[in-house]
Amino acid sequence: MNTSSTQSTSGQTPANTERVYRVRRSDLPLSCPTPDMALWNSHPRVYLPIEKTGRAKCPYCGADYILEDH
């Protein structure tokens, strides 16, 4: 997954800090927050259907996901 945010001291990306996330097919299945995000201060994990359109929006935080190799 490609984001511009920095990693926390635990090595995980802080959850829900970006508005747009670019993902690849190798990142599927897509969930928000993603597996490499810290979950302690986030919403429940939800899986997002991105395969057909190449785009998905999280219903909890509003983050947009774009599938780069659609």
C-alpha atoms as a PDB file:
ATOM      1  CA  MET A   1       0.000   0.000   0.000  1.00  0.00           C
ATOM      2  CA  ASN A   2       1.302   3.434  -0.890  1.00  0.00           C
ATOM      3  CA  THR A   3       0.691   6.275   1.576  1.00  0.00           C
ATOM      4  CA  SER A   4       2.621   9.364   2.534  1.00  0.00           C
ATOM      5  CA  SER A   5       2.156   8.973   6.287  1.00  0.00           C
ATOM      6  CA  THR A   6       5.002   8.041   8.566  1.00  0.00           C
ATOM      7  CA  GLN A   7       5.130   4.919  10.662  1.00  0.00           C
ATOM      8  CA  SER A   8       4.691   4.991  14.420  1.00  0.00           C
ATOM      9  CA  THR A   9       7.264   3.691  16.867  1.00  0.00           C
ATOM     10  CA  SER A  10       5.494   0.318  16.784  1.00  0.00           C
ATOM     11  CA  GLY A  11       6.236   0.050  13.055  1.00  0.00           C
ATOM     12  CA  GLN A  12       2.584   0.405  12.085  1.00  0.00           C
ATOM     13  CA  THR A  13       1.046   3.204  10.061  1.00  0.00           C
ATOM     14  CA  PRO A  14      -1.404   5.255  12.156  1.00  0.00           C
ATOM     15  CA  ALA A  15      -4.974   4.391  11.154  1.00  0.00           C
ATOM     16  CA  ASN A  16      -7.194   6.790   9.238  1.00  0.00           C
ATOM     17  CA  THR A  17      -4.612   9.563   8.835  1.00  0.00           C
ATOM     18  CA  GLU A  18      -4.864   9.899   5.047  1.00  0.00           C
ATOM     19  CA  ARG A  19      -7.862  10.773   2.887  1.00  0.00           C
ATOM     20  CA  VAL A  20      -6.702   8.818  -0.185  1.00  0.00           C
ATOM     21  CA  TYR A  21      -4.885   5.492  -0.208  1.00  0.00           C
ATOM     22  CA  ARG A  22      -3.462   3.837  -3.308  1.00  0.00           C
ATOM     23  CA  VAL A  23      -3.502   0.051  -3.189  1.00  0.00           C
ATOM     24  CA  ARG A  24      -2.414  -2.789  -5.482  1.00  0.00           C
ATOM     25  CA  ARG A  25      -3.990  -6.139  -6.267  1.00  0.00           C
ATOM     26  CA  SER A  26      -1.397  -7.728  -3.988  1.00  0.00           C
ATOM     27  CA  ASP A  27      -3.035  -5.781  -1.097  1.00  0.00           C
ATOM     28  CA  LEU A  28      -6.424  -7.480  -1.653  1.00  0.00           C
ATOM     29  CA  PRO A  29      -8.725  -8.266   0.014  1.00  0.00           C
ATOM     30  CA  LEU A  30      -8.982  -4.612   0.982  1.00  0.00           C
ATOM     31  CA  SER A  31     -10.021  -3.625   4.474  1.00  0.00           C
ATOM     32  CA  CYS A  32     -10.154  -0.328   6.310  1.00  0.00           C
ATOM     33  CA  PRO A  33      -8.175  -0.006   8.431  1.00  0.00           C
ATOM     34  CA  THR A  34      -5.638  -2.103   6.546  1.00  0.00           C
ATOM     35  CA  PRO A  35      -3.652  -4.848   8.305  1.00  0.00           C
ATOM     36  CA  ASP A  36      -0.554  -2.646   8.585  1.00  0.00           C
ATOM     37  CA  MET A  37      -2.432   0.147  10.411  1.00  0.00           C
ATOM     38  CA  ALA A  38      -2.554   0.485  14.183  1.00  0.00           C
ATOM     39  CA  LEU A  39      -6.092  -0.354  15.349  1.00  0.00           C
ATOM     40  CA  TRP A  40      -6.204   0.952  18.897  1.00  0.00           C
ATOM     41  CA  ASN A  41      -7.776   4.287  17.923  1.00  0.00           C
ATOM     42  CA  SER A  42      -9.690   3.311  14.814  1.00  0.00           C
ATOM     43  CA  HIS A  43     -13.124   2.171  13.735  1.00  0.00           C
ATOM     44  CA  PRO A  44     -14.063  -1.514  13.323  1.00  0.00           C
ATOM     45  CA  ARG A  45     -12.412  -3.242  10.363  1.00  0.00           C
ATOM     46  CA  VAL A  46     -14.624  -3.325   7.279  1.00  0.00           C
ATOM     47  CA  TYR A  47     -13.842  -5.079   3.991  1.00  0.00           C
ATOM     48  CA  LEU A  48     -14.290  -2.934   0.886  1.00  0.00           C
ATOM     49  CA  PRO A  49     -15.216  -4.168  -2.613  1.00  0.00           C
ATOM     50  CA  ILE A  50     -12.755  -2.465  -4.944  1.00  0.00           C
ATOM     51  CA  GLU A  51     -12.135  -5.125  -7.622  1.00  0.00           C
ATOM     52  CA  LYS A  52     -14.894  -4.152 -10.098  1.00  0.00           C
ATOM     53  CA  THR A  53     -14.600  -0.369 -10.204  1.00  0.00           C
ATOM     54  CA  GLY A  54     -11.059   0.253  -8.956  1.00  0.00           C
ATOM     55  CA  ARG A  55     -12.355   2.610  -6.253  1.00  0.00           C
ATOM     56  CA  ALA A  56     -13.859   2.229  -2.796  1.00  0.00           C
ATOM     57  CA  LYS A  57     -14.852   4.531   0.067  1.00  0.00           C
ATOM     58  CA  CYS A  58     -14.843   3.533   3.719  1.00  0.00           C
ATOM     59  CA  PRO A  59     -18.307   4.031   5.228  1.00  0.00           C
ATOM     60  CA  TYR A  60     -16.792   4.793   8.655  1.00  0.00           C
ATOM     61  CA  CYS A  61     -13.987   7.291   8.044  1.00  0.00           C
ATOM     62  CA  GLY A  62     -14.620   8.317   4.433  1.00  0.00           C
ATOM     63  CA  ALA A  63     -11.140   7.339   3.227  1.00  0.00           C
ATOM     64  CA  ASP A  64     -10.949   6.798  -0.517  1.00  0.00           C
ATOM     65  CA  TYR A  65      -9.064   3.808  -1.892  1.00  0.00           C
ATOM     66  CA  ILE A  66      -7.797   3.622  -5.472  1.00  0.00           C
ATOM     67  CA  LEU A  67      -6.676   0.375  -7.060  1.00  0.00           C
ATOM     68  CA  GLU A  68      -3.533   1.298  -9.022  1.00  0.00           C
ATOM     69  CA  ASP A  69      -3.277  -1.816 -11.187  1.00  0.00           C
ATOM     70  CA  HIS A  70      -6.996  -2.053 -12.045  1.00  0.00           C
END
